[in-house]
Amino acid sequence: MRPTLQHDADADAIYIRLNDLPYAFGEDIDHARRIDYASDGQPIGIEVLCVSKGIDTHGLPHQDAITRLAEEHSFKVFA
């Protein structure tokens, strides 16, 4: 599955879906980023808040693919 991006302009947030595995748990990376995981520990999605200011992809799983996807949707990216 190619990662997909959903943007909620009202919440100033995006969710990047990495695969179709079911959600098991999540981990906050910082105040603006959260990674969701499957039961086997594989990352399944990433929530990013305050995206109108830009997206920090540093330290995220699949960083290169996420950077490309965000840029395709015209978001400013900090890597």
PDB file of N, CA and C in Angstrom:
ATOM      1  N   MET A   1       0.843  -1.183   0.000  1.00  0.00           N
ATOM      2  CA  MET A   1       0.000   0.000   0.000  1.00  0.00           C
ATOM      3  C   MET A   1       0.884   1.241   0.000  1.00  0.00           C
ATOM      4  N   ARG A   2       0.574   2.155  -0.874  1.00  0.00           N
ATOM      5  CA  ARG A   2       1.253   3.453  -0.881  1.00  0.00           C
ATOM      6  C   ARG A   2       0.651   4.305   0.230  1.00  0.00           C
ATOM      7  N   PRO A   3       1.470   5.014   0.999  1.00  0.00           N
ATOM      8  CA  PRO A   3       0.924   5.867   2.056  1.00  0.00           C
ATOM      9  C   PRO A   3      -0.083   6.873   1.496  1.00  0.00           C
ATOM     10  N   THR A   4      -1.125   7.148   2.285  1.00  0.00           N
ATOM     11  CA  THR A   4      -2.135   8.133   1.912  1.00  0.00           C
ATOM     12  C   THR A   4      -2.185   9.224   2.970  1.00  0.00           C
ATOM     13  N   LEU A   5      -2.593  10.413   2.564  1.00  0.00           N
ATOM     14  CA  LEU A   5      -2.641  11.560   3.463  1.00  0.00           C
ATOM     15  C   LEU A   5      -4.051  12.113   3.500  1.00  0.00           C
ATOM     16  N   GLN A   6      -4.574  12.308   4.712  1.00  0.00           N
ATOM     17  CA  GLN A   6      -5.865  12.967   4.916  1.00  0.00           C
ATOM     18  C   GLN A   6      -5.596  14.261   5.667  1.00  0.00           C
ATOM     19  N   HIS A   7      -6.183  15.357   5.180  1.00  0.00           N
ATOM     20  CA  HIS A   7      -5.966  16.671   5.787  1.00  0.00           C
ATOM     21  C   HIS A   7      -7.271  17.177   6.377  1.00  0.00           C
ATOM     22  N   ASP A   8      -7.223  17.606   7.633  1.00  0.00           N
ATOM     23  CA  ASP A   8      -8.361  18.242   8.296  1.00  0.00           C
ATOM     24  C   ASP A   8      -7.972  19.694   8.538  1.00  0.00           C
ATOM     25  N   ALA A   9      -8.400  20.578   7.645  1.00  0.00           N
ATOM     26  CA  ALA A   9      -8.007  21.988   7.723  1.00  0.00           C
ATOM     27  C   ALA A   9      -8.523  22.650   8.997  1.00  0.00           C
ATOM     28  N   ASP A  10      -9.721  22.280   9.450  1.00  0.00           N
ATOM     29  CA  ASP A  10     -10.273  22.877  10.673  1.00  0.00           C
ATOM     30  C   ASP A  10      -9.430  22.539  11.898  1.00  0.00           C
ATOM     31  N   ALA A  11      -8.896  21.325  11.936  1.00  0.00           N
ATOM     32  CA  ALA A  11      -8.057  20.897  13.063  1.00  0.00           C
ATOM     33  C   ALA A  11      -6.586  21.234  12.835  1.00  0.00           C
ATOM     34  N   ASP A  12      -6.249  21.715  11.631  1.00  0.00           N
ATOM     35  CA  ASP A  12      -4.858  22.001  11.255  1.00  0.00           C
ATOM     36  C   ASP A  12      -3.993  20.762  11.464  1.00  0.00           C
ATOM     37  N   ALA A  13      -4.502  19.627  10.953  1.00  0.00           N
ATOM     38  CA  ALA A  13      -3.845  18.344  11.184  1.00  0.00           C
ATOM     39  C   ALA A  13      -3.892  17.480   9.930  1.00  0.00           C
ATOM     40  N   ILE A  14      -2.960  16.537   9.874  1.00  0.00           N
ATOM     41  CA  ILE A  14      -2.989  15.511   8.834  1.00  0.00           C
ATOM     42  C   ILE A  14      -2.839  14.148   9.493  1.00  0.00           C
ATOM     43  N   TYR A  15      -3.322  13.129   8.782  1.00  0.00           N
ATOM     44  CA  TYR A  15      -3.079  11.743   9.183  1.00  0.00           C
ATOM     45  C   TYR A  15      -2.536  11.033   7.964  1.00  0.00           C
ATOM     46  N   ILE A  16      -1.380  10.414   8.127  1.00  0.00           N
ATOM     47  CA  ILE A  16      -0.757   9.656   7.047  1.00  0.00           C
ATOM     48  C   ILE A  16      -0.925   8.181   7.372  1.00  0.00           C
ATOM     49  N   ARG A  17      -1.661   7.490   6.520  1.00  0.00           N
ATOM     50  CA  ARG A  17      -1.907   6.054   6.699  1.00  0.00           C
ATOM     51  C   ARG A  17      -0.818   5.304   5.948  1.00  0.00           C
ATOM     52  N   LEU A  18      -0.074   4.458   6.653  1.00  0.00           N
ATOM     53  CA  LEU A  18       1.048   3.739   6.057  1.00  0.00           C
ATOM     54  C   LEU A  18       0.656   2.371   5.524  1.00  0.00           C
ATOM     55  N   ASN A  19      -0.319   1.717   6.159  1.00  0.00           N
ATOM     56  CA  ASN A  19      -0.786   0.404   5.711  1.00  0.00           C
ATOM     57  C   ASN A  19      -2.164   0.136   6.301  1.00  0.00           C
ATOM     58  N   ASP A  20      -2.717  -1.040   6.005  1.00  0.00           N
ATOM     59  CA  ASP A  20      -4.084  -1.363   6.423  1.00  0.00           C
ATOM     60  C   ASP A  20      -4.162  -2.230   7.676  1.00  0.00           C
ATOM     61  N   LEU A  21      -3.065  -2.408   8.389  1.00  0.00           N
ATOM     62  CA  LEU A  21      -3.098  -3.217   9.603  1.00  0.00           C
ATOM     63  C   LEU A  21      -3.955  -2.529  10.668  1.00  0.00           C
ATOM     64  N   PRO A  22      -4.596  -3.296  11.550  1.00  0.00           N
ATOM     65  CA  PRO A  22      -5.436  -2.682  12.582  1.00  0.00           C
ATOM     66  C   PRO A  22      -4.609  -1.999  13.673  1.00  0.00           C
ATOM     67  N   TYR A  23      -5.194  -0.963  14.244  1.00  0.00           N
ATOM     68  CA  TYR A  23      -4.563  -0.185  15.315  1.00  0.00           C
ATOM     69  C   TYR A  23      -4.480  -1.014  16.595  1.00  0.00           C
ATOM     70  N   ALA A  24      -3.311  -0.954  17.265  1.00  0.00           N
ATOM     71  CA  ALA A  24      -3.149  -1.610  18.564  1.00  0.00           C
ATOM     72  C   ALA A  24      -2.803  -0.604  19.655  1.00  0.00           C
ATOM     73  N   PHE A  25      -1.891   0.342  19.346  1.00  0.00           N
ATOM     74  CA  PHE A  25      -1.503   1.346  20.341  1.00  0.00           C
ATOM     75  C   PHE A  25      -0.840   2.520  19.639  1.00  0.00           C
ATOM     76  N   GLY A  26      -0.729   3.631  20.351  1.00  0.00           N
ATOM     77  CA  GLY A  26      -0.099   4.825  19.802  1.00  0.00           C
ATOM     78  C   GLY A  26       0.945   5.374  20.750  1.00  0.00           C
ATOM     79  N   GLU A  27       1.846   6.183  20.193  1.00  0.00           N
ATOM     80  CA  GLU A  27       2.915   6.790  20.981  1.00  0.00           C
ATOM     81  C   GLU A  27       3.099   8.237  20.538  1.00  0.00           C
ATOM     82  N   ASP A  28       3.039   9.161  21.498  1.00  0.00           N
ATOM     83  CA  ASP A  28       3.312  10.559  21.196  1.00  0.00           C
ATOM     84  C   ASP A  28       4.814  10.752  21.055  1.00  0.00           C
ATOM     85  N   ILE A  29       5.236  11.340  19.934  1.00  0.00           N
ATOM     86  CA  ILE A  29       6.646  11.638  19.706  1.00  0.00           C
ATOM     87  C   ILE A  29       6.984  12.977  20.357  1.00  0.00           C
ATOM     88  N   ASP A  30       6.083  13.925  20.200  1.00  0.00           N
ATOM     89  CA  ASP A  30       6.191  15.242  20.827  1.00  0.00           C
ATOM     90  C   ASP A  30       4.790  15.843  20.846  1.00  0.00           C
ATOM     91  N   HIS A  31       4.678  17.131  21.122  1.00  0.00           N
ATOM     92  CA  HIS A  31       3.352  17.761  21.245  1.00  0.00           C
ATOM     93  C   HIS A  31       2.566  17.805  19.934  1.00  0.00           C
ATOM     94  N   ALA A  32       3.238  17.603  18.802  1.00  0.00           N
ATOM     95  CA  ALA A  32       2.554  17.743  17.513  1.00  0.00           C
ATOM     96  C   ALA A  32       2.563  16.475  16.661  1.00  0.00           C
ATOM     97  N   ARG A  33       3.188  15.391  17.150  1.00  0.00           N
ATOM     98  CA  ARG A  33       3.293  14.185  16.323  1.00  0.00           C
ATOM     99  C   ARG A  33       3.010  12.932  17.145  1.00  0.00           C
ATOM    100  N   ARG A  34       2.253  12.033  16.532  1.00  0.00           N
ATOM    101  CA  ARG A  34       1.906  10.760  17.182  1.00  0.00           C
ATOM    102  C   ARG A  34       2.001   9.656  16.141  1.00  0.00           C
ATOM    103  N   ILE A  35       2.550   8.512  16.541  1.00  0.00           N
ATOM    104  CA  ILE A  35       2.645   7.354  15.660  1.00  0.00           C
ATOM    105  C   ILE A  35       1.729   6.264  16.193  1.00  0.00           C
ATOM    106  N   ASP A  36       0.906   5.688  15.315  1.00  0.00           N
ATOM    107  CA  ASP A  36       0.045   4.557  15.643  1.00  0.00           C
ATOM    108  C   ASP A  36       0.719   3.282  15.160  1.00  0.00           C
ATOM    109  N   TYR A  37       0.546   2.207  15.936  1.00  0.00           N
ATOM    110  CA  TYR A  37       1.214   0.939  15.652  1.00  0.00           C
ATOM    111  C   TYR A  37       0.226  -0.215  15.606  1.00  0.00           C
ATOM    112  N   ALA A  38       0.600  -1.262  14.854  1.00  0.00           N
ATOM    113  CA  ALA A  38      -0.110  -2.535  14.867  1.00  0.00           C
ATOM    114  C   ALA A  38       0.396  -3.346  16.061  1.00  0.00           C
ATOM    115  N   SER A  39      -0.233  -4.456  16.341  1.00  0.00           N
ATOM    116  CA  SER A  39       0.148  -5.272  17.494  1.00  0.00           C
ATOM    117  C   SER A  39       1.564  -5.826  17.385  1.00  0.00           C
ATOM    118  N   ASP A  40       2.084  -5.958  16.165  1.00  0.00           N
ATOM    119  CA  ASP A  40       3.453  -6.457  15.992  1.00  0.00           C
ATOM    120  C   ASP A  40       4.502  -5.344  16.066  1.00  0.00           C
ATOM    121  N   GLY A  41       4.068  -4.113  16.378  1.00  0.00           N
ATOM    122  CA  GLY A  41       4.996  -2.991  16.503  1.00  0.00           C
ATOM    123  C   GLY A  41       5.273  -2.252  15.211  1.00  0.00           C
ATOM    124  N   GLN A  42       4.631  -2.669  14.130  1.00  0.00           N
ATOM    125  CA  GLN A  42       4.816  -2.007  12.841  1.00  0.00           C
ATOM    126  C   GLN A  42       4.021  -0.697  12.816  1.00  0.00           C
ATOM    127  N   PRO A  43       4.653   0.420  12.409  1.00  0.00           N
ATOM    128  CA  PRO A  43       3.906   1.675  12.334  1.00  0.00           C
ATOM    129  C   PRO A  43       2.829   1.605  11.254  1.00  0.00           C
ATOM    130  N   ILE A  44       1.619   2.079  11.610  1.00  0.00           N
ATOM    131  CA  ILE A  44       0.514   2.029  10.651  1.00  0.00           C
ATOM    132  C   ILE A  44       0.014   3.406  10.254  1.00  0.00           C
ATOM    133  N   GLY A  45       0.338   4.427  11.051  1.00  0.00           N
ATOM    134  CA  GLY A  45      -0.126   5.765  10.727  1.00  0.00           C
ATOM    135  C   GLY A  45       0.551   6.817  11.574  1.00  0.00           C
ATOM    136  N   ILE A  46       0.520   8.045  11.077  1.00  0.00           N
ATOM    137  CA  ILE A  46       1.165   9.161  11.762  1.00  0.00           C
ATOM    138  C   ILE A  46       0.219  10.351  11.736  1.00  0.00           C
ATOM    139  N   GLU A  47      -0.039  10.906  12.917  1.00  0.00           N
ATOM    140  CA  GLU A  47      -0.832  12.127  13.032  1.00  0.00           C
ATOM    141  C   GLU A  47       0.118  13.290  13.283  1.00  0.00           C
ATOM    142  N   VAL A  48      -0.082  14.374  12.547  1.00  0.00           N
ATOM    143  CA  VAL A  48       0.736  15.574  12.724  1.00  0.00           C
ATOM    144  C   VAL A  48      -0.209  16.759  12.902  1.00  0.00           C
ATOM    145  N   LEU A  49       0.024  17.537  13.952  1.00  0.00           N
ATOM    146  CA  LEU A  49      -0.783  18.719  14.252  1.00  0.00           C
ATOM    147  C   LEU A  49      -0.044  19.984  13.829  1.00  0.00           C
ATOM    148  N   CYS A  50      -0.763  21.092  13.754  1.00  0.00           N
ATOM    149  CA  CYS A  50      -0.195  22.418  13.419  1.00  0.00           C
ATOM    150  C   CYS A  50       0.521  22.402  12.071  1.00  0.00           C
ATOM    151  N   VAL A  51      -0.073  21.741  11.084  1.00  0.00           N
ATOM    152  CA  VAL A  51       0.592  21.567   9.797  1.00  0.00           C
ATOM    153  C   VAL A  51       0.676  22.845   8.973  1.00  0.00           C
ATOM    154  N   SER A  52      -0.112  23.854   9.305  1.00  0.00           N
ATOM    155  CA  SER A  52      -0.025  25.110   8.551  1.00  0.00           C
ATOM    156  C   SER A  52       1.326  25.790   8.769  1.00  0.00           C
ATOM    157  N   LYS A  53       2.015  25.434   9.839  1.00  0.00           N
ATOM    158  CA  LYS A  53       3.348  25.976  10.122  1.00  0.00           C
ATOM    159  C   LYS A  53       4.446  25.156   9.465  1.00  0.00           C
ATOM    160  N   GLY A  54       4.107  23.961   8.988  1.00  0.00           N
ATOM    161  CA  GLY A  54       5.073  23.057   8.382  1.00  0.00           C
ATOM    162  C   GLY A  54       5.051  21.723   9.100  1.00  0.00           C
ATOM    163  N   ILE A  55       5.682  20.738   8.484  1.00  0.00           N
ATOM    164  CA  ILE A  55       5.689  19.375   9.008  1.00  0.00           C
ATOM    165  C   ILE A  55       7.124  18.949   9.272  1.00  0.00           C
ATOM    166  N   ASP A  56       7.393  18.525  10.499  1.00  0.00           N
ATOM    167  CA  ASP A  56       8.712  18.017  10.873  1.00  0.00           C
ATOM    168  C   ASP A  56       8.708  16.508  10.670  1.00  0.00           C
ATOM    169  N   THR A  57       9.443  16.024   9.674  1.00  0.00           N
ATOM    170  CA  THR A  57       9.484  14.591   9.397  1.00  0.00           C
ATOM    171  C   THR A  57      10.685  13.906  10.037  1.00  0.00           C
ATOM    172  N   HIS A  58      11.530  14.666  10.704  1.00  0.00           N
ATOM    173  CA  HIS A  58      12.720  14.092  11.334  1.00  0.00           C
ATOM    174  C   HIS A  58      12.318  13.015  12.348  1.00  0.00           C
ATOM    175  N   GLY A  59      12.915  11.845  12.217  1.00  0.00           N
ATOM    176  CA  GLY A  59      12.681  10.761  13.160  1.00  0.00           C
ATOM    177  C   GLY A  59      11.420   9.960  12.931  1.00  0.00           C
ATOM    178  N   LEU A  60      10.667  10.279  11.883  1.00  0.00           N
ATOM    179  CA  LEU A  60       9.453   9.520  11.597  1.00  0.00           C
ATOM    180  C   LEU A  60       9.785   8.283  10.774  1.00  0.00           C
ATOM    181  N   PRO A  61       9.033   7.193  10.962  1.00  0.00           N
ATOM    182  CA  PRO A  61       9.232   6.026  10.103  1.00  0.00           C
ATOM    183  C   PRO A  61       8.871   6.379   8.662  1.00  0.00           C
ATOM    184  N   HIS A  62       9.583   5.798   7.722  1.00  0.00           N
ATOM    185  CA  HIS A  62       9.344   6.045   6.293  1.00  0.00           C
ATOM    186  C   HIS A  62       9.489   7.537   5.970  1.00  0.00           C
ATOM    187  N   GLN A  63      10.479   8.166   6.550  1.00  0.00           N
ATOM    188  CA  GLN A  63      10.658   9.624   6.451  1.00  0.00           C
ATOM    189  C   GLN A  63      10.676  10.116   5.007  1.00  0.00           C
ATOM    190  N   ASP A  64      11.404   9.442   4.127  1.00  0.00           N
ATOM    191  CA  ASP A  64      11.489   9.897   2.732  1.00  0.00           C
ATOM    192  C   ASP A  64      10.126   9.858   2.040  1.00  0.00           C
ATOM    193  N   ALA A  65       9.388   8.772   2.231  1.00  0.00           N
ATOM    194  CA  ALA A  65       8.069   8.645   1.599  1.00  0.00           C
ATOM    195  C   ALA A  65       7.095   9.676   2.168  1.00  0.00           C
ATOM    196  N   ILE A  66       7.168   9.921   3.468  1.00  0.00           N
ATOM    197  CA  ILE A  66       6.286  10.906   4.098  1.00  0.00           C
ATOM    198  C   ILE A  66       6.615  12.312   3.616  1.00  0.00           C
ATOM    199  N   THR A  67       7.898  12.609   3.486  1.00  0.00           N
ATOM    200  CA  THR A  67       8.318  13.922   2.982  1.00  0.00           C
ATOM    201  C   THR A  67       7.780  14.149   1.575  1.00  0.00           C
ATOM    202  N   ARG A  68       7.942  13.159   0.693  1.00  0.00           N
ATOM    203  CA  ARG A  68       7.440  13.282  -0.684  1.00  0.00           C
ATOM    204  C   ARG A  68       5.926  13.482  -0.700  1.00  0.00           C
ATOM    205  N   LEU A  69       5.222  12.691   0.098  1.00  0.00           N
ATOM    206  CA  LEU A  69       3.762  12.775   0.134  1.00  0.00           C
ATOM    207  C   LEU A  69       3.305  14.146   0.626  1.00  0.00           C
ATOM    208  N   ALA A  70       3.923  14.649   1.678  1.00  0.00           N
ATOM    209  CA  ALA A  70       3.556  15.970   2.211  1.00  0.00           C
ATOM    210  C   ALA A  70       3.835  17.060   1.182  1.00  0.00           C
ATOM    211  N   GLU A  71       4.976  16.972   0.505  1.00  0.00           N
ATOM    212  CA  GLU A  71       5.309  17.967  -0.519  1.00  0.00           C
ATOM    213  C   GLU A  71       4.348  17.889  -1.700  1.00  0.00           C
ATOM    214  N   GLU A  72       3.903  16.689  -2.062  1.00  0.00           N
ATOM    215  CA  GLU A  72       2.912  16.533  -3.132  1.00  0.00           C
ATOM    216  C   GLU A  72       1.609  17.254  -2.787  1.00  0.00           C
ATOM    217  N   HIS A  73       1.312  17.366  -1.497  1.00  0.00           N
ATOM    218  CA  HIS A  73       0.104  18.049  -1.029  1.00  0.00           C
ATOM    219  C   HIS A  73       0.389  19.499  -0.636  1.00  0.00           C
ATOM    220  N   SER A  74       1.549  19.996  -1.049  1.00  0.00           N
ATOM    221  CA  SER A  74       1.945  21.407  -0.880  1.00  0.00           C
ATOM    222  C   SER A  74       2.167  21.842   0.565  1.00  0.00           C
ATOM    223  N   PHE A  75       2.556  20.909   1.432  1.00  0.00           N
ATOM    224  CA  PHE A  75       2.926  21.271   2.795  1.00  0.00           C
ATOM    225  C   PHE A  75       4.415  21.587   2.856  1.00  0.00           C
ATOM    226  N   LYS A  76       4.780  22.580   3.657  1.00  0.00           N
ATOM    227  CA  LYS A  76       6.191  22.874   3.898  1.00  0.00           C
ATOM    228  C   LYS A  76       6.726  21.788   4.822  1.00  0.00           C
ATOM    229  N   VAL A  77       7.901  21.233   4.484  1.00  0.00           N
ATOM    230  CA  VAL A  77       8.469  20.124   5.247  1.00  0.00           C
ATOM    231  C   VAL A  77       9.811  20.521   5.835  1.00  0.00           C
ATOM    232  N   PHE A  78       9.978  20.191   7.108  1.00  0.00           N
ATOM    233  CA  PHE A  78      11.262  20.331   7.792  1.00  0.00           C
ATOM    234  C   PHE A  78      11.766  18.920   8.048  1.00  0.00           C
ATOM    235  N   ALA A  79      12.932  18.588   7.517  1.00  0.00           N
ATOM    236  CA  ALA A  79      13.453  17.227   7.698  1.00  0.00           C
ATOM    237  C   ALA A  79      14.735  17.239   8.496  1.00  0.00           C
TER     238      ALA A  79
END
